[in-house]
């Protein structure tokens, strides 16, 4: 059998009217959630693993170029590594993506019990360009002031600065 006959013989296996063919390892094996999970895992690894330190800048540039802010938000939200969450939050401002539409999310992060997460979230907010909805800003100010009533630490200074920054958005 020559090569041409072999090709024609193989074609029948890919004819959907005759056979159901599944190509192992194809992207058809993955659903969209699996793909997102893989992307998130890759981003988390590139940004947080000390062995990937030299690739971090490249990863941040790629995030900005691809406008992948939603991917970072998802990674932060689903982060199972609490001790590395601040690195993911820092990547938001380091990537120079404008997260203005996510102001409420970052206000909640600013109120996180972890000081480093708070610090990085406030830095993201300080780098936001807007535009902002007055409702989000006003609700954020109320939320931060309410939270301040229950703390007595160096975090209070951070939150005072945050309130001032939020007020400047109005």
Protein backbone atom coordinates (compact mmCIF):
# COMPACT_ATOMS: atom_id res chain seq x y z
CA UNK A 1 0.00 0.00 0.00
CA UNK A 2 1.50 3.34 -0.99
CA UNK A 3 1.28 6.56 1.03
CA UNK A 4 -1.58 7.98 -1.02
CA UNK A 5 -3.81 4.94 -0.42
CA UNK A 6 -2.92 5.05 3.27
CA UNK A 7 -4.01 8.72 3.50
CA UNK A 8 -7.32 7.99 1.83
CA UNK A 9 -7.83 5.01 4.12
CA UNK A 10 -7.26 7.12 7.22
CA UNK A 11 -9.69 9.84 6.09
CA UNK A 12 -12.64 7.56 6.76
CA UNK A 13 -11.82 7.56 10.47
CA UNK A 14 -12.29 11.32 10.58
CA UNK A 15 -15.59 11.26 8.73
CA UNK A 16 -18.21 12.19 11.37
CA UNK A 17 -20.89 10.27 9.45
CA UNK A 18 -18.98 7.00 9.88
CA UNK A 19 -16.98 7.35 13.11
CA UNK A 20 -16.86 9.42 16.24
CA UNK A 21 -13.21 10.32 16.50
CA UNK A 22 -11.66 11.85 19.57
CA UNK A 23 -8.14 13.18 19.24
CA UNK A 24 -6.43 12.60 22.59
CA UNK A 25 -4.63 15.64 23.88
CA UNK A 26 -6.63 18.06 21.77
CA UNK A 27 -8.17 21.18 23.24
CA UNK A 28 -11.54 19.42 22.84
CA UNK A 29 -10.58 17.44 25.95
CA UNK A 30 -10.68 20.60 28.05
CA UNK A 31 -13.67 22.67 28.89
CA UNK A 32 -13.42 26.45 29.38
CA UNK A 33 -13.17 26.10 33.17
CA UNK A 34 -10.20 23.75 32.82
CA UNK A 35 -8.48 26.17 30.46
CA UNK A 36 -9.07 29.09 32.84
CA UNK A 37 -7.78 26.99 35.74
CA UNK A 38 -4.64 26.16 33.77
CA UNK A 39 -4.08 29.83 32.90
CA UNK A 40 -4.61 30.89 36.49
CA UNK A 41 -2.22 28.22 37.76
CA UNK A 42 0.41 29.32 35.24
CA UNK A 43 0.02 32.99 36.21
CA UNK A 44 0.17 32.22 39.92
CA UNK A 45 3.30 30.14 39.38
CA UNK A 46 5.00 32.80 37.25
CA UNK A 47 4.23 35.54 39.74
CA UNK A 48 4.80 33.77 43.05
CA UNK A 49 7.36 31.01 42.58
CA UNK A 50 10.89 32.25 43.41
CA UNK A 51 12.27 29.93 40.74
CA UNK A 52 10.42 31.99 38.12
CA UNK A 53 11.75 35.33 39.32
CA UNK A 54 13.38 36.16 35.97
CA UNK A 55 10.08 35.50 34.17
CA UNK A 56 7.94 37.71 36.41
CA UNK A 57 8.54 40.92 34.42
CA UNK A 58 7.68 39.12 31.21
CA UNK A 59 4.51 37.72 32.79
CA UNK A 60 3.46 41.20 33.95
CA UNK A 61 4.02 42.66 30.47
CA UNK A 62 1.99 39.83 28.95
CA UNK A 63 -0.85 40.43 31.39
CA UNK A 64 -0.95 44.10 30.44
CA UNK A 65 -0.63 43.41 26.70
CA UNK A 66 -3.42 40.83 26.82
CA UNK A 67 -5.52 43.05 29.12
CA UNK A 68 -5.82 40.06 31.43
CA UNK A 69 -7.02 41.91 34.52
CA UNK A 70 -9.96 39.53 34.91
CA UNK A 71 -7.55 36.62 35.04
CA UNK A 72 -5.64 38.28 37.89
CA UNK A 73 -8.87 39.07 39.75
CA UNK A 74 -9.94 35.43 39.42
CA UNK A 75 -6.53 34.25 40.63
CA UNK A 76 -6.76 36.51 43.70
CA UNK A 77 -10.35 35.57 44.43
CA UNK A 78 -9.64 31.84 44.15
CA UNK A 79 -6.21 31.95 45.76
CA UNK A 80 -5.71 28.98 48.05
CA UNK A 81 -2.26 30.19 49.05
CA UNK A 82 -3.04 32.87 51.60
CA UNK A 83 0.65 33.53 52.22
CA UNK A 84 1.15 34.49 48.55
CA UNK A 85 -2.06 36.43 47.98
CA UNK A 86 -0.29 39.77 48.46
CA UNK A 87 2.04 38.94 45.56
CA UNK A 88 -0.95 38.47 43.26
CA UNK A 89 -2.49 41.74 44.47
CA UNK A 90 0.85 43.49 43.90
CA UNK A 91 0.87 42.14 40.35
CA UNK A 92 -2.23 44.24 39.69
CA UNK A 93 -0.42 47.53 40.10
CA UNK A 94 2.88 46.16 38.79
CA UNK A 95 1.17 45.16 35.53
CA UNK A 96 -0.13 48.74 35.14
CA UNK A 97 -3.61 47.50 34.25
CA UNK A 98 -6.35 49.96 35.16
CA UNK A 99 -8.61 48.18 37.65
CA UNK A 100 -10.95 51.15 38.21
CA UNK A 101 -14.02 49.07 37.45
CA UNK A 102 -13.00 46.71 40.26
CA UNK A 103 -12.85 49.39 42.99
CA UNK A 104 -15.24 47.56 45.38
CA UNK A 105 -13.17 44.36 45.08
CA UNK A 106 -9.96 46.18 46.01
CA UNK A 107 -11.64 48.05 48.86
CA UNK A 108 -12.59 44.66 50.33
CA UNK A 109 -8.98 43.53 49.91
CA UNK A 110 -7.79 46.70 51.64
CA UNK A 111 -9.78 45.54 54.67
CA UNK A 112 -8.15 42.10 54.65
CA UNK A 113 -6.69 40.88 57.94
CA UNK A 114 -3.31 40.39 56.26
CA UNK A 115 -1.36 43.67 56.40
CA UNK A 116 0.52 42.99 53.14
CA UNK A 117 -2.68 42.24 51.23
CA UNK A 118 -4.12 45.52 52.55
CA UNK A 119 -1.02 47.47 51.61
CA UNK A 120 -0.94 46.08 48.08
CA UNK A 121 -4.70 46.62 47.56
CA UNK A 122 -4.40 50.24 48.66
CA UNK A 123 -1.50 50.67 46.24
CA UNK A 124 -3.71 49.32 43.43
CA UNK A 125 -6.44 51.81 44.39
CA UNK A 126 -3.94 54.68 44.49
CA UNK A 127 -2.90 53.81 40.93
CA UNK A 128 -6.45 53.66 39.57
CA UNK A 129 -7.21 56.22 36.88
CA UNK A 130 -11.00 56.13 36.90
CA UNK A 131 -13.66 56.75 35.96
CA UNK A 132 -15.46 55.71 39.12
CA UNK A 133 -19.11 55.56 40.00
CA UNK A 134 -19.98 57.86 42.89
CA UNK A 135 -21.92 55.01 44.47
CA UNK A 136 -18.88 52.73 44.59
CA UNK A 137 -16.70 55.48 46.02
CA UNK A 138 -19.21 56.57 48.66
CA UNK A 139 -19.98 52.99 49.70
CA UNK A 140 -16.24 52.34 49.88
CA UNK A 141 -15.66 55.33 52.16
CA UNK A 142 -18.46 54.22 54.49
CA UNK A 143 -17.13 50.64 54.55
CA UNK A 144 -13.55 51.74 55.36
CA UNK A 145 -14.66 54.17 58.09
CA UNK A 146 -16.83 51.48 59.66
CA UNK A 147 -13.93 49.03 59.60
CA UNK A 148 -11.60 51.63 61.16
CA UNK A 149 -13.73 51.71 64.30
CA UNK A 150 -12.61 48.18 65.14
CA UNK A 151 -8.85 48.45 64.64
CA UNK A 152 -5.99 49.97 66.57
CA UNK A 153 -2.78 49.36 64.64
CA UNK A 154 -0.48 50.75 62.00
CA UNK A 155 -3.16 49.67 59.54
CA UNK A 156 -5.25 52.62 60.75
CA UNK A 157 -2.78 54.98 59.07
CA UNK A 158 -3.09 53.08 55.81
CA UNK A 159 -6.86 53.26 55.98
CA UNK A 160 -6.80 57.00 56.71
CA UNK A 161 -4.78 57.44 53.52
CA UNK A 162 -7.25 55.24 51.67
CA UNK A 163 -10.22 57.32 52.79
CA UNK A 164 -8.42 60.49 51.63
CA UNK A 165 -7.72 58.89 48.26
CA UNK A 166 -11.32 57.72 47.87
CA UNK A 167 -12.58 61.21 48.73
CA UNK A 168 -10.36 62.61 45.99
CA UNK A 169 -12.23 60.42 43.48
CA UNK A 170 -15.50 62.29 44.12
